[in-house]
Every structure is written in C-alpha cells, then in structure tokens.
Amino acid sequence: MAEPLHGIGVSPGFAAGPVCRAGAAPQLPSPRAVSDVDAELALAADALRAVAAELARRAEATPDATAAEILRAQVMMAEDPVLDEAVADAIRAGSDAPHAIDAAFAVHRQAFLEAGGYLAERVADLDDLRDRAVAVSSGAPMPGIPSPGHPFVLVATDLAPADTAGLDPEQVLALVTVAGGPTSHTAILARSLGIPAVVRCAEAANLSDGVVVAVDGTAGAVRVGVDEATVADTRRREQERRARAAASTGPGRTADGWAVELLANVGSAADLVTGAEGVGLFRTELLYLDREKAPGHDEQVEAYAAVFAALGGRKVVVRTLDAGADKPLPFLDQAGEPNPALGVRGVRLARRDPALLDGQLSAIAAAAARTGATAWVMAPMIATPAEARDFVARARAAGLASAGVMVEVPAAALRIRALLREVDFVSIGTNDLSQYAFAADRMCGELAELLDPWQPALLDLVAACARAGRAAGKPVGICGEAAADPGLAPVFAGLGISSLSMPARAIPAVRDALAAHTRADCERLATAVLAAEDPLTARAAAT
C-alpha cells in the first residue's frame, strides 16, 4: 500500500469512505454598469443582511455552544457599519454590488492579516462572509457542504464556521483540509462534534471525488485508495474506540490510581454535560459578545450562577474577560494597535479600565456566594510576577479565595517559580504559548507545524511549569487544545500536570488513555518525548 498523506491530526478517531469535496467559492461575475445607484445600494445591503440573518439562524439552531459563539462573532462582522459604508462608497464610485462587496472585504481582509493574532485567524471567516454575500448579490449558488446522499469524507481547502457548525456526524465521516491548523475553527469544531479530522494536509488538494480513503485523526494520516478490507477494519477500530469511550466513566486515573483531573471547557451553562469532574476553563467572553456596552453586575451574576449551580459543588475555574485589541468589543473603545496580538488584551485591559476587571470579579464572587460554588478565578495574558500579584490582590479584595493565572506568555513560563509564589494555581494555555514561543502566527498555514502541540520546545515549557508546581505544592493544569489529545495525556501526567481541561466530547478518550498506563509508564513516556528532536519522533516515542 502507498505511503499515507500526512497532515496534523486535530480530532481523534478513525473513518473510511469516499471523498466528497466542498463546493468552490463563487466566481465574481463580469463587471456591469450601474444605472440605478440606490437600487444597487439596496441590493448590497440586502445581501449582507441576508447573510447575517442566516448565520444568526444557524447560531440559534445549533446545540453546540462553541459553534454558536463562533457564528455570532461572524454575524457581528457582517453587521459592521464600517463594512457597510465601504461597500456603499464603492457603489457610489461606480462598482456593482458584487464587486463592491468583494472590494470592501478585501480591505478588511488585509487589515486583519496585518493585525496578526486573533484577527488574522478570522480571515477565513471574512472570506466566507464575502463568498456568501457575493453569491446572494449575484444570484450564484451558495458555497457550502455537498450532499451526495451517502456518508462521505469531506475534503476542502478549509471550512468556514457556518459550514462546520452544521455538519451531520452521521453523514460526514471525517474532515480533511488542505489549510488550517491545530487551533483553527475547523479543528475546534471537529473536536466539539466528535468528527475525526486532519488539517494542513497539502496533498489532499489532489484528491478526487469518489476515491476511498481511510482517515486517522489521531496520527494525522490519510490512506488513499484503500480496499474493502481496510475500510471494514477502520470502521471496526472506530466502533471499538467509541465503545471504550462510552464505557469510560469516573475520575481521571492512571492504571495504578494516580489522579489527573479531567475537566471541561465551557462558554455557558448550555455547554455543561455529564462526565467531567468540573470545569477547568469557563470562558466568560460569550457574555460580552455582540453588545454595545459591558454587561451589568446583576446580568453577570445570573450568568455565572447558572453555571455554578449546574455543577453541584464541583470545581469551576473562571477565566476573566479575554478580549482586547485583538478580540475587539465595541464598548472597549480601543484605538488601533500596530500588533494587537502583542497589545492590550486580557488582564492588560485593567491598566486602562480597572473597573471592568473589578466588576467582573465582584460578580463572580457574588454568584459563588449565592450558589455555594467552589469557584476559582484566573487571569489571561499574565507576563510577570508583579501582574500576577496585582490580580490575586484584586481577587482577594472581591472575596475570592482561590486565584491563579494562565501561562500563555513565555516570560511567565520562564519565571514560573516566582509566579507560583504569588498565586494559588496556574493553567497553561498551550494555544497562545505555542504562538508566542515559536513566533508563529496561528493563521499562517505555512507555519502550522510549529504549532503542533507535540513540539519538544513547547513540552519543555510545560515540563518546567509542572516541576515548579510540584516543588511549590500548587496545581498546574492545561486548558489549551493540547489537553484533548489522548496521546499526550499520559505524557502530561508523566510531567506532573494535575488537571486537563478540554471539550467535553474529548474526555472519555483521554480518560481511557490515562487508564491504560501506570504512573511509571507515564513518566517513562514523558522522558522519552522530551528527548525527541521534533513532533514526529516525539509521537513515535510515546507509542
């Protein structure tokens, strides 16, 4: 059998079936003269409104809170008045609606790319909005997911959130994309839906409709032209994997009983499911999206209390608002920055608006007091022990007993021992830590391999944090996407990580991976992986 195609495995599982490629983006029609400017303005405005309305409808319809949050962010982009005005200006200058829409989005696209960081990651979202608005305004077919009438492996250059959020796991057996990366929306939503996925597989561009492939979403491999026996074996392996996951219950433990807490990442009470030992990352940004002013105290208390009450006394770690110049919210009123990913974001917002952070901490404390919850709180984008000390003081002043920080900035990892003297715990955000440690923008597909969570340099930083945590007697967890990788779970346990927080669907596979190894096994694997030269040999060392 020929060598498999290789990409980055971002959602575990096995699948086999015929390829079906995603529909191409609409082509711009030939330019036409505009005789009625008002009618053309109305055509463009109606197209943008129709796209926003359809995305809003999908956000309401999807049961997946992660998908809904991403779709609502796209709606905000489509309803941006600056975009409306740019389209209108182009029409008044003589462009027809489709070309005016294309030109306006091109300007926004370039601005997002130049901003880098989170905004650069949203370029694919902009491209999707552009394609949909051009299709509506020109009468072209809407781009999207094919419907061949039978289960298939979906192959695409990349997928927009609106498409990924609506996937039916009964029909879409696996995802394979040419572009994307470990922290792309395709990766995040595939994990959330439980669909095996491989991204950044360049050779997938040559796959034709109908060819039968076998996908390994853990190893990042795609075998092409497989026979019926291989298809049957792949499906059997997936059935066995799901059966093990379904039977997997209880807390995270190694085979000899060493505990590693398995926690869930959530954005609201709608994300909560059974099977998690608690919440390791409560993203509070959802409460702040799509609004002109920050939520008031009472509204915040109600939102936090809904999550706390549903957990029934289980641990919940609340991340304070992670927004700013690279995740702009209208009420923050921030001027443009030359590099928003390195600018005023996360806890740094308190430098300009301390009341925003203090108000959130007060609301979290009030919700915890009302429900009797075990509420921990942590700040994003901490770089120095002094910043950590200030945050902990604010949390204590609000009445919160357990305060920690996220380790996302390499400076925090390098000074982890000093940092741990100031806080009660730390949680490693591997997504941003990778981006900053490797100076690799998460949107730059050519550098996707640098963001592989198996990169030894990233694991060195994780190991340093874990060692410092053990020495200080304080918990060190992981809440980045790497926590959902079953292959890495024993490695993290061997390094001394105390908790792993992930999308709820990933918990059974991670629990199963831990249970298959003793603590000594985990420590042996961790030592072998840290000695590896690259992600490929690191993965091989862990088998």
Protein backbone atom coordinates (compact mmCIF):
# COMPACT_ATOMS: atom_id res chain seq x y z
CA MET A 1 0.00 0.00 0.00
CA ALA A 2 1.23 3.51 -0.84
CA GLU A 3 2.50 5.80 1.88
CA PRO A 4 -0.30 7.79 3.52
CA LEU A 5 -0.76 11.52 3.12
CA HIS A 6 0.28 13.39 6.23
CA GLY A 7 -1.20 16.41 7.95
CA ILE A 8 -1.88 17.42 11.53
CA GLY A 9 -4.34 15.24 13.42
CA VAL A 10 -6.65 17.57 15.35
CA SER A 11 -9.65 15.41 16.26
CA PRO A 12 -9.13 11.75 17.22
CA GLY A 13 -10.86 8.78 15.64
CA PHE A 14 -10.89 6.55 12.58
CA ALA A 15 -13.08 6.77 9.48
CA ALA A 16 -13.15 5.40 5.95
CA GLY A 17 -15.30 6.27 2.97
CA PRO A 18 -15.49 8.02 -0.39
CA VAL A 19 -14.18 11.56 -0.78
CA CYS A 20 -16.60 14.39 -1.47
CA ARG A 21 -15.09 17.82 -1.99
CA ALA A 22 -16.64 21.02 -0.65
CA GLY A 23 -18.19 23.40 -3.15
CA ALA A 24 -15.97 26.07 -4.62
CA ALA A 25 -16.33 29.76 -3.78
CA PRO A 26 -18.49 31.73 -6.23
CA GLN A 27 -16.70 33.49 -9.06
CA LEU A 28 -17.22 37.21 -9.46
CA PRO A 29 -19.43 37.96 -12.46
CA SER A 30 -18.20 40.30 -15.17
CA PRO A 31 -18.47 43.94 -14.07
CA ARG A 32 -21.62 45.71 -15.19
CA ALA A 33 -22.59 49.34 -15.46
CA VAL A 34 -24.74 50.70 -12.64
CA SER A 35 -27.66 52.77 -13.82
CA ASP A 36 -29.56 52.98 -10.52
CA VAL A 37 -27.22 53.64 -7.60
CA ASP A 38 -29.98 53.45 -4.99
CA ALA A 39 -31.10 50.03 -6.24
CA GLU A 40 -27.52 48.79 -6.21
CA LEU A 41 -27.04 50.08 -2.66
CA ALA A 42 -30.18 48.23 -1.62
CA LEU A 43 -29.02 45.03 -3.37
CA ALA A 44 -25.69 45.07 -1.50
CA ALA A 45 -27.28 45.95 1.85
CA ASP A 46 -29.90 43.21 1.43
CA ALA A 47 -27.18 40.67 0.63
CA LEU A 48 -25.22 41.50 3.80
CA ARG A 49 -28.40 41.43 5.90
CA ALA A 50 -29.42 38.08 4.41
CA VAL A 51 -26.03 36.57 5.21
CA ALA A 52 -26.13 37.92 8.78
CA ALA A 53 -29.68 36.64 9.28
CA GLU A 54 -28.81 33.15 8.03
CA LEU A 55 -25.76 32.92 10.29
CA ALA A 56 -27.80 34.16 13.24
CA ARG A 57 -30.42 31.49 12.49
CA ARG A 58 -27.72 28.81 12.46
CA ALA A 59 -26.30 30.13 15.72
CA GLU A 60 -29.71 29.76 17.35
CA ALA A 61 -30.31 26.34 15.81
CA THR A 62 -27.05 24.64 16.70
CA PRO A 63 -26.99 22.79 20.03
CA ASP A 64 -23.22 23.28 20.22
CA ALA A 65 -22.43 26.38 22.29
CA THR A 66 -18.91 26.65 20.86
CA ALA A 67 -20.28 26.73 17.32
CA ALA A 68 -22.96 29.24 18.32
CA GLU A 69 -20.35 31.57 19.80
CA ILE A 70 -18.24 31.46 16.63
CA LEU A 71 -21.27 32.07 14.39
CA ARG A 72 -22.39 35.05 16.47
CA ALA A 73 -18.93 36.55 16.04
CA GLN A 74 -19.38 36.19 12.27
CA VAL A 75 -22.75 37.94 12.48
CA MET A 76 -21.02 40.88 14.15
CA MET A 77 -18.57 41.06 11.25
CA ALA A 78 -21.37 41.02 8.67
CA GLU A 79 -23.22 43.79 10.51
CA ASP A 80 -20.16 46.01 10.94
CA PRO A 81 -21.21 49.55 9.90
CA VAL A 82 -17.68 50.27 8.67
CA LEU A 83 -18.07 47.41 6.20
CA ASP A 84 -21.48 48.73 5.12
CA GLU A 85 -20.03 52.14 4.44
CA ALA A 86 -17.08 50.75 2.49
CA VAL A 87 -19.46 48.79 0.24
CA ALA A 88 -21.64 51.87 -0.25
CA ASP A 89 -18.64 54.06 -1.12
CA ALA A 90 -17.52 51.56 -3.78
CA ILE A 91 -21.00 51.53 -5.34
CA ARG A 92 -21.18 55.32 -5.38
CA ALA A 93 -17.80 55.25 -7.12
CA GLY A 94 -19.26 53.09 -9.91
CA SER A 95 -18.93 49.45 -8.81
CA ASP A 96 -21.81 46.99 -8.98
CA ALA A 97 -22.90 45.25 -5.75
CA PRO A 98 -20.85 42.02 -6.08
CA HIS A 99 -17.64 43.88 -6.93
CA ALA A 100 -18.24 46.50 -4.22
CA ILE A 101 -18.71 43.72 -1.65
CA ASP A 102 -15.55 41.98 -2.86
CA ALA A 103 -13.51 45.20 -2.69
CA ALA A 104 -14.72 46.11 0.80
CA PHE A 105 -13.95 42.67 2.17
CA ALA A 106 -10.51 42.76 0.54
CA VAL A 107 -9.63 45.89 2.52
CA HIS A 108 -10.89 44.34 5.78
CA ARG A 109 -9.04 41.12 4.97
CA GLN A 110 -5.73 42.93 4.56
CA ALA A 111 -6.26 44.85 7.79
CA PHE A 112 -6.93 41.61 9.69
CA LEU A 113 -3.81 39.99 8.23
CA GLU A 114 -1.66 42.96 9.18
CA ALA A 115 -3.10 42.97 12.71
CA GLY A 116 -1.99 39.36 13.24
CA GLY A 117 -3.00 37.18 16.16
CA TYR A 118 -6.70 36.56 16.75
CA LEU A 119 -7.81 38.90 13.95
CA ALA A 120 -5.58 37.15 11.43
CA GLU A 121 -7.20 33.87 12.45
CA ARG A 122 -10.56 35.37 11.47
CA VAL A 123 -9.55 35.92 7.82
CA ALA A 124 -11.20 32.63 6.85
CA ASP A 125 -14.40 33.91 8.46
CA LEU A 126 -14.20 37.09 6.39
CA ASP A 127 -13.63 35.07 3.23
CA ASP A 128 -16.72 33.02 3.99
CA LEU A 129 -18.83 36.15 4.53
CA ARG A 130 -17.52 37.59 1.29
CA ASP A 131 -18.37 34.41 -0.64
CA ARG A 132 -21.88 34.27 0.79
CA ALA A 133 -22.61 37.95 0.16
CA VAL A 134 -21.25 37.77 -3.41
CA ALA A 135 -23.39 34.69 -4.05
CA VAL A 136 -26.55 36.39 -2.78
CA SER A 137 -25.93 39.64 -4.67
CA SER A 138 -25.06 37.92 -7.95
CA GLY A 139 -27.55 35.05 -7.84
CA ALA A 140 -24.78 32.44 -7.77
CA PRO A 141 -25.09 29.14 -5.85
CA MET A 142 -24.22 29.44 -2.18
CA PRO A 143 -20.89 27.82 -1.26
CA GLY A 144 -21.15 25.07 1.29
CA ILE A 145 -21.17 21.39 2.16
CA PRO A 146 -22.12 18.85 -0.53
CA SER A 147 -24.98 16.42 -0.01
CA PRO A 148 -24.24 13.29 -2.07
CA GLY A 149 -26.89 11.19 -0.32
CA HIS A 150 -24.48 8.82 1.43
CA PRO A 151 -21.82 9.07 4.20
CA PHE A 152 -18.56 10.60 2.98
CA VAL A 153 -15.17 12.02 3.92
CA LEU A 154 -15.31 15.79 3.42
CA VAL A 155 -12.23 17.30 1.76
CA ALA A 156 -11.82 21.06 1.46
CA THR A 157 -9.21 23.77 1.25
CA ASP A 158 -10.62 24.99 4.56
CA LEU A 159 -14.06 25.20 6.13
CA ALA A 160 -15.98 28.20 7.36
CA PRO A 161 -17.56 28.14 10.83
CA ALA A 162 -21.05 28.28 9.30
CA ASP A 163 -20.33 25.09 7.37
CA THR A 164 -18.52 23.22 10.12
CA ALA A 165 -21.17 24.06 12.73
CA GLY A 166 -23.90 22.49 10.61
CA LEU A 167 -22.14 19.21 9.85
CA ASP A 168 -24.04 15.99 10.46
CA PRO A 169 -21.64 13.44 12.01
CA GLU A 170 -23.81 10.65 10.62
CA GLN A 171 -23.06 11.81 7.07
CA VAL A 172 -19.64 13.45 7.41
CA LEU A 173 -17.36 10.60 8.48
CA ALA A 174 -14.20 12.69 8.69
CA LEU A 175 -12.73 16.06 7.70
CA VAL A 176 -9.53 16.61 5.73
CA THR A 177 -8.42 20.14 4.89
CA VAL A 178 -5.51 21.48 2.87
CA ALA A 179 -5.17 24.58 5.05
CA GLY A 180 -5.96 25.28 8.69
CA GLY A 181 -4.05 24.46 11.83
CA PRO A 182 -4.39 22.89 15.29
CA THR A 183 -6.25 25.91 16.68
CA SER A 184 -8.37 26.77 13.63
CA HIS A 185 -12.16 26.82 13.81
CA THR A 186 -12.24 23.62 11.77
CA ALA A 187 -10.13 21.87 14.41
CA ILE A 188 -12.07 23.26 17.37
CA LEU A 189 -15.49 22.44 15.94
CA ALA A 190 -14.45 18.99 14.68
CA ARG A 191 -13.39 18.09 18.21
CA SER A 192 -16.61 19.53 19.58
CA LEU A 193 -18.67 17.42 17.15
CA GLY A 194 -16.55 14.30 17.62
CA ILE A 195 -15.61 14.04 13.93
CA PRO A 196 -12.11 12.68 13.10
CA ALA A 197 -10.14 15.44 11.38
CA VAL A 198 -6.78 16.09 9.73
CA VAL A 199 -5.76 19.64 8.79
CA ARG A 200 -2.84 21.11 6.88
CA CYS A 201 -2.69 18.11 4.56
CA ALA A 202 -1.33 19.74 1.41
CA GLU A 203 -1.59 16.65 -0.79
CA ALA A 204 -5.32 16.42 -0.09
CA ALA A 205 -5.70 19.10 -2.77
CA ASN A 206 -5.17 16.31 -5.32
CA LEU A 207 -7.91 14.00 -4.00
CA SER A 208 -10.81 13.43 -6.38
CA ASP A 209 -14.47 12.87 -5.60
CA GLY A 210 -15.27 9.21 -5.06
CA VAL A 211 -11.80 7.92 -4.17
CA VAL A 212 -11.98 5.86 -0.98
CA VAL A 213 -9.74 6.99 1.87
CA ALA A 214 -9.07 5.95 5.47
CA VAL A 215 -8.51 8.78 7.95
CA ASP A 216 -6.67 8.57 11.26
CA GLY A 217 -7.48 11.78 13.14
CA THR A 218 -5.04 11.00 15.93
CA ALA A 219 -1.95 10.33 13.82
CA GLY A 220 -2.86 12.87 11.12
CA ALA A 221 -2.69 10.25 8.34
CA VAL A 222 -4.88 9.75 5.24
CA ARG A 223 -4.54 6.50 3.27
CA VAL A 224 -5.73 6.77 -0.33
CA GLY A 225 -7.39 4.13 -2.50
CA VAL A 226 -7.95 1.65 0.31
CA ASP A 227 -9.70 -1.67 -0.28
CA GLU A 228 -12.88 -3.02 1.33
CA ALA A 229 -10.92 -4.94 3.98
CA THR A 230 -9.18 -1.76 5.11
CA VAL A 231 -12.50 0.11 5.18
CA ALA A 232 -14.02 -2.62 7.34
CA ASP A 233 -11.02 -2.69 9.67
CA THR A 234 -11.03 1.10 10.03
CA ARG A 235 -14.72 1.12 10.91
CA ARG A 236 -14.21 -1.70 13.42
CA ARG A 237 -11.43 0.28 15.12
CA GLU A 238 -13.71 3.32 15.34
CA GLN A 239 -16.56 1.25 16.80
CA GLU A 240 -14.20 -0.16 19.41
CA ARG A 241 -12.89 3.33 20.23
CA ARG A 242 -16.41 4.66 20.70
CA ALA A 243 -17.43 1.65 22.79
CA ARG A 244 -14.46 2.23 25.09
CA ALA A 245 -15.35 5.91 25.35
CA ALA A 246 -18.99 5.13 26.15
CA ALA A 247 -17.94 2.71 28.87
CA SER A 248 -15.38 5.14 30.28
CA THR A 249 -16.67 6.75 33.47
CA GLY A 250 -15.34 8.14 36.70
CA PRO A 251 -12.44 10.42 37.50
CA GLY A 252 -9.18 10.56 35.59
CA ARG A 253 -6.75 7.97 36.90
CA THR A 254 -3.72 6.07 35.70
CA ALA A 255 -3.84 2.27 35.87
CA ASP A 256 -2.36 2.38 39.37
CA GLY A 257 -4.63 5.17 40.63
CA TRP A 258 -2.59 8.36 40.10
CA ALA A 259 -5.15 11.17 39.78
CA VAL A 260 -5.30 13.64 36.89
CA GLU A 261 -8.46 15.76 36.99
CA LEU A 262 -10.44 15.72 33.73
CA LEU A 263 -12.31 18.98 33.35
CA ALA A 264 -14.47 20.59 30.66
CA ASN A 265 -14.07 23.84 28.73
CA VAL A 266 -17.37 25.77 28.59
CA GLY A 267 -18.71 29.11 27.47
CA SER A 268 -22.06 28.96 29.25
CA ALA A 269 -24.38 26.63 31.15
CA ALA A 270 -25.51 25.21 27.77
CA ASP A 271 -22.10 23.54 27.35
CA LEU A 272 -22.29 21.51 30.55
CA VAL A 273 -22.51 17.74 30.22
CA THR A 274 -22.03 14.78 32.50
CA GLY A 275 -18.68 13.01 32.68
CA ALA A 276 -16.42 15.89 33.66
CA GLU A 277 -15.04 16.29 37.16
CA GLY A 278 -15.68 20.01 36.90
CA VAL A 279 -14.87 22.97 34.65
CA GLY A 280 -11.26 23.89 34.02
CA LEU A 281 -11.99 26.80 31.67
CA PHE A 282 -15.16 28.87 31.87
CA ARG A 283 -14.78 31.35 29.01
CA THR A 284 -16.69 34.46 30.03
CA GLU A 285 -16.35 36.22 26.64
CA LEU A 286 -19.71 34.84 25.46
CA LEU A 287 -21.48 37.20 27.84
CA TYR A 288 -19.73 40.21 26.31
CA LEU A 289 -20.19 39.47 22.61
CA ASP A 290 -22.48 41.38 20.26
CA ARG A 291 -23.27 44.29 22.58
CA GLU A 292 -22.52 47.99 22.76
CA LYS A 293 -21.83 48.10 26.50
CA ALA A 294 -20.46 45.72 29.10
CA PRO A 295 -22.97 43.54 30.96
CA GLY A 296 -24.07 44.91 34.32
CA HIS A 297 -23.41 43.34 37.71
CA ASP A 298 -26.77 41.57 38.02
CA GLU A 299 -26.63 40.12 34.50
CA GLN A 300 -23.15 38.76 35.12
CA VAL A 301 -24.16 37.24 38.45
CA GLU A 302 -27.07 35.41 36.82
CA ALA A 303 -24.88 34.02 34.01
CA TYR A 304 -22.14 32.82 36.35
CA ALA A 305 -24.62 31.43 38.90
CA ALA A 306 -26.30 29.33 36.18
CA VAL A 307 -23.00 27.53 35.54
CA PHE A 308 -22.05 27.27 39.22
CA ALA A 309 -25.43 25.85 40.24
CA ALA A 310 -25.40 23.25 37.47
CA LEU A 311 -22.05 21.92 38.67
CA GLY A 312 -23.43 20.95 42.06
CA GLY A 313 -20.35 21.84 44.06
CA ARG A 314 -17.79 20.61 41.55
CA LYS A 315 -14.77 22.80 40.85
CA VAL A 316 -15.12 25.56 38.25
CA VAL A 317 -12.24 27.73 37.04
CA VAL A 318 -13.42 31.06 35.64
CA ARG A 319 -11.21 32.93 33.20
CA THR A 320 -11.73 36.65 33.38
CA LEU A 321 -12.51 38.51 30.17
CA ASP A 322 -10.04 37.54 27.45
CA ALA A 323 -10.60 40.29 24.91
CA GLY A 324 -8.93 43.47 23.81
CA ALA A 325 -7.24 44.89 20.77
CA ASP A 326 -7.03 41.51 19.05
CA LYS A 327 -10.58 40.47 20.08
CA PRO A 328 -12.29 43.85 19.78
CA LEU A 329 -15.52 44.53 21.61
CA PRO A 330 -17.39 47.77 20.82
CA PHE A 331 -17.59 49.05 24.39
CA LEU A 332 -13.82 48.74 24.93
CA ASP A 333 -13.30 51.75 22.65
CA GLN A 334 -9.72 50.82 21.79
CA ALA A 335 -7.69 52.58 19.15
CA GLY A 336 -5.87 50.53 16.56
CA GLU A 337 -2.56 49.00 17.59
CA PRO A 338 0.37 48.07 15.33
CA ASN A 339 0.34 44.45 16.59
CA PRO A 340 -2.85 43.65 18.54
CA ALA A 341 -1.77 40.09 19.38
CA LEU A 342 1.00 41.67 21.44
CA GLY A 343 -1.07 44.58 22.65
CA VAL A 344 -3.58 45.49 25.34
CA ARG A 345 -5.60 42.30 25.74
CA GLY A 346 -6.71 40.03 28.55
CA VAL A 347 -5.73 41.23 32.02
CA ARG A 348 -3.89 44.18 30.47
CA LEU A 349 -7.27 45.84 29.95
CA ALA A 350 -7.22 46.63 33.67
CA ARG A 351 -4.43 49.11 33.01
CA ARG A 352 -6.93 51.28 31.13
CA ASP A 353 -10.18 50.25 32.79
CA PRO A 354 -9.64 48.67 36.23
CA ALA A 355 -13.37 48.86 36.95
CA LEU A 356 -14.05 46.34 34.16
CA LEU A 357 -11.96 43.67 35.88
CA ASP A 358 -13.00 44.57 39.41
CA GLY A 359 -16.66 44.49 38.40
CA GLN A 360 -16.31 41.04 36.89
CA LEU A 361 -14.50 39.69 39.94
CA SER A 362 -17.24 41.11 42.17
CA ALA A 363 -19.94 39.41 40.08
CA ILE A 364 -18.10 36.06 40.14
CA ALA A 365 -17.78 36.28 43.93
CA ALA A 366 -21.47 37.14 44.33
CA ALA A 367 -22.50 34.20 42.12
CA ALA A 368 -20.24 31.85 44.08
CA ALA A 369 -21.67 33.06 47.39
CA ARG A 370 -25.24 32.60 46.16
CA THR A 371 -24.66 29.03 44.93
CA GLY A 372 -22.01 27.83 47.38
CA ALA A 373 -19.78 27.01 44.39
CA THR A 374 -16.11 26.04 44.50
CA ALA A 375 -15.10 28.94 42.25
CA TRP A 376 -11.51 29.50 41.20
CA VAL A 377 -10.62 32.51 39.08
CA MET A 378 -7.70 33.08 36.71
CA ALA A 379 -6.40 35.90 34.55
CA PRO A 380 -5.26 35.60 30.91
CA MET A 381 -2.12 37.14 29.40
CA ILE A 382 -0.08 37.40 32.60
CA ALA A 383 3.61 38.06 31.85
CA THR A 384 5.25 38.94 35.17
CA PRO A 385 5.01 38.05 38.87
CA ALA A 386 4.01 41.66 39.56
CA GLU A 387 0.98 41.34 37.27
CA ALA A 388 0.06 38.08 38.98
CA ARG A 389 0.39 39.69 42.42
CA ASP A 390 -1.91 42.56 41.39
CA PHE A 391 -4.55 40.18 40.01
CA VAL A 392 -4.54 37.99 43.12
CA ALA A 393 -4.92 41.08 45.32
CA ARG A 394 -7.95 42.19 43.29
CA ALA A 395 -9.48 38.71 43.51
CA ARG A 396 -8.93 38.56 47.27
CA ALA A 397 -10.48 42.03 47.65
CA ALA A 398 -13.56 40.76 45.81
CA GLY A 399 -13.85 37.83 48.22
CA LEU A 400 -12.46 35.04 46.01
CA ALA A 401 -10.30 32.57 47.90
CA SER A 402 -8.57 30.79 45.02
CA ALA A 403 -6.85 32.94 42.39
CA GLY A 404 -4.45 31.87 39.67
CA VAL A 405 -3.19 32.85 36.25
CA MET A 406 -2.80 31.44 32.78
CA VAL A 407 0.65 30.69 31.43
CA GLU A 408 0.42 31.80 27.79
CA VAL A 409 3.35 34.19 27.58
CA PRO A 410 6.82 32.58 27.51
CA ALA A 411 8.04 35.10 30.11
CA ALA A 412 5.55 33.61 32.57
CA ALA A 413 6.87 30.09 31.93
CA LEU A 414 10.47 31.24 32.29
CA ARG A 415 9.68 32.88 35.64
CA ILE A 416 7.26 30.20 36.78
CA ARG A 417 8.81 29.68 40.23
CA ALA A 418 8.46 33.37 41.08
CA LEU A 419 4.97 33.39 39.59
CA LEU A 420 3.86 30.47 41.74
CA ARG A 421 4.87 32.35 44.88
CA GLU A 422 2.11 34.85 44.07
CA VAL A 423 -0.78 32.58 43.03
CA ASP A 424 -2.73 29.53 44.16
CA PHE A 425 -2.53 27.68 40.82
CA VAL A 426 -1.63 28.09 37.16
CA SER A 427 -3.24 26.82 33.98
CA ILE A 428 -1.21 26.52 30.78
CA GLY A 429 -2.87 27.85 27.63
CA THR A 430 -0.95 25.86 25.03
CA ASN A 431 -2.56 27.63 22.03
CA ASP A 432 -1.12 31.06 22.76
CA LEU A 433 2.00 29.69 24.43
CA SER A 434 2.83 27.91 21.16
CA GLN A 435 2.18 31.02 19.09
CA TYR A 436 4.38 33.24 21.22
CA ALA A 437 7.13 30.69 21.89
CA PHE A 438 7.60 29.89 18.20
CA ALA A 439 6.85 33.39 16.85
CA ALA A 440 4.37 31.64 14.55
CA ASP A 441 1.06 33.34 13.78
CA ARG A 442 -1.73 30.80 14.18
CA MET A 443 -3.20 31.98 10.86
CA CYS A 444 -0.03 31.37 8.86
CA GLY A 445 -0.64 27.97 7.32
CA GLU A 446 2.95 27.60 6.19
CA LEU A 447 4.00 27.57 9.86
CA ALA A 448 1.29 25.22 11.14
CA GLU A 449 3.81 22.51 12.03
CA LEU A 450 5.38 24.91 14.56
CA LEU A 451 2.06 24.97 16.41
CA ASP A 452 1.91 21.20 16.72
CA PRO A 453 1.38 20.50 20.46
CA TRP A 454 4.00 17.72 20.21
CA GLN A 455 6.76 20.26 19.57
CA PRO A 456 9.50 19.40 22.11
CA ALA A 457 10.19 23.05 22.91
CA LEU A 458 6.55 23.57 23.92
CA LEU A 459 6.68 20.43 26.04
CA ASP A 460 9.89 21.72 27.67
CA LEU A 461 7.95 24.81 28.82
CA VAL A 462 5.11 22.62 30.10
CA ALA A 463 7.61 20.42 31.94
CA ALA A 464 9.25 23.44 33.59
CA CYS A 465 5.87 24.63 34.86
CA ALA A 466 4.95 21.17 36.14
CA ARG A 467 8.26 20.80 38.01
CA ALA A 468 7.83 24.20 39.63
CA GLY A 469 4.26 23.34 40.60
CA ARG A 470 5.34 20.12 42.31
CA ALA A 471 8.09 21.96 44.19
CA ALA A 472 5.63 24.64 45.34
CA GLY A 473 2.87 22.14 46.12
CA LYS A 474 0.46 24.01 43.82
CA PRO A 475 -1.73 22.69 40.95
CA VAL A 476 -0.57 23.12 37.36
CA GLY A 477 -3.18 22.32 34.73
CA ILE A 478 -3.56 22.60 30.97
CA CYS A 479 -6.58 24.13 29.27
CA GLY A 480 -5.32 24.54 25.69
CA GLU A 481 -6.34 22.33 22.79
CA ALA A 482 -3.42 20.01 23.57
CA ALA A 483 -5.31 18.79 26.64
CA ALA A 484 -7.77 17.00 24.32
CA ASP A 485 -5.08 14.84 22.68
CA PRO A 486 -5.33 11.28 24.10
CA GLY A 487 -1.76 10.56 23.01
CA LEU A 488 -0.41 13.47 25.02
CA ALA A 489 -2.46 12.73 28.16
CA PRO A 490 -0.03 10.11 29.58
CA VAL A 491 2.88 12.40 28.70
CA PHE A 492 1.33 15.31 30.60
CA ALA A 493 0.61 13.02 33.54
CA GLY A 494 4.24 11.89 33.50
CA LEU A 495 5.39 15.51 33.54
CA GLY A 496 3.33 16.12 36.67
CA ILE A 497 0.36 18.02 35.24
CA SER A 498 -2.50 17.87 37.76
CA SER A 499 -5.52 18.55 35.50
CA LEU A 500 -6.51 18.57 31.84
CA SER A 501 -9.41 20.72 30.61
CA MET A 502 -10.92 20.10 27.18
CA PRO A 503 -14.12 19.95 25.13
CA ALA A 504 -16.45 17.54 26.90
CA ARG A 505 -16.52 15.09 23.98
CA ALA A 506 -12.77 14.53 24.33
CA ILE A 507 -12.90 13.44 27.97
CA PRO A 508 -13.71 9.72 27.50
CA ALA A 509 -10.80 9.14 25.11
CA VAL A 510 -8.38 11.00 27.39
CA ARG A 511 -9.67 9.09 30.43
CA ASP A 512 -9.17 5.81 28.54
CA ALA A 513 -5.61 6.78 27.55
CA LEU A 514 -4.67 7.54 31.15
CA ALA A 515 -6.20 4.31 32.43
CA ALA A 516 -4.03 2.31 30.01
CA HIS A 517 -0.79 3.43 31.67
CA THR A 518 0.72 3.30 35.15
CA ARG A 519 2.32 6.38 36.63
CA ALA A 520 5.74 4.86 35.92
CA ASP A 521 4.71 4.31 32.29
CA CYS A 522 3.68 7.96 32.04
CA GLU A 523 6.96 9.19 33.50
CA ARG A 524 8.91 6.97 31.09
CA LEU A 525 6.94 8.31 28.12
CA ALA A 526 7.44 11.90 29.27
CA THR A 527 11.20 11.41 29.49
CA ALA A 528 11.32 9.86 26.02
CA VAL A 529 9.20 12.61 24.46
CA LEU A 530 11.30 15.41 25.95
CA ALA A 531 14.38 13.82 24.37
CA ALA A 532 12.81 13.87 20.88
CA GLU A 533 14.04 16.25 18.21
CA ASP A 534 10.73 17.01 16.50
CA PRO A 535 6.98 16.29 16.74
CA LEU A 536 7.19 13.18 14.56
CA THR A 537 9.80 11.49 16.73
CA ALA A 538 8.01 12.73 19.86
CA ARG A 539 4.83 10.96 18.79
CA ALA A 540 6.80 7.82 17.97
CA ALA A 541 8.46 7.93 21.40
CA ALA A 542 5.04 7.97 23.08
CA THR A 543 3.84 4.73 21.50
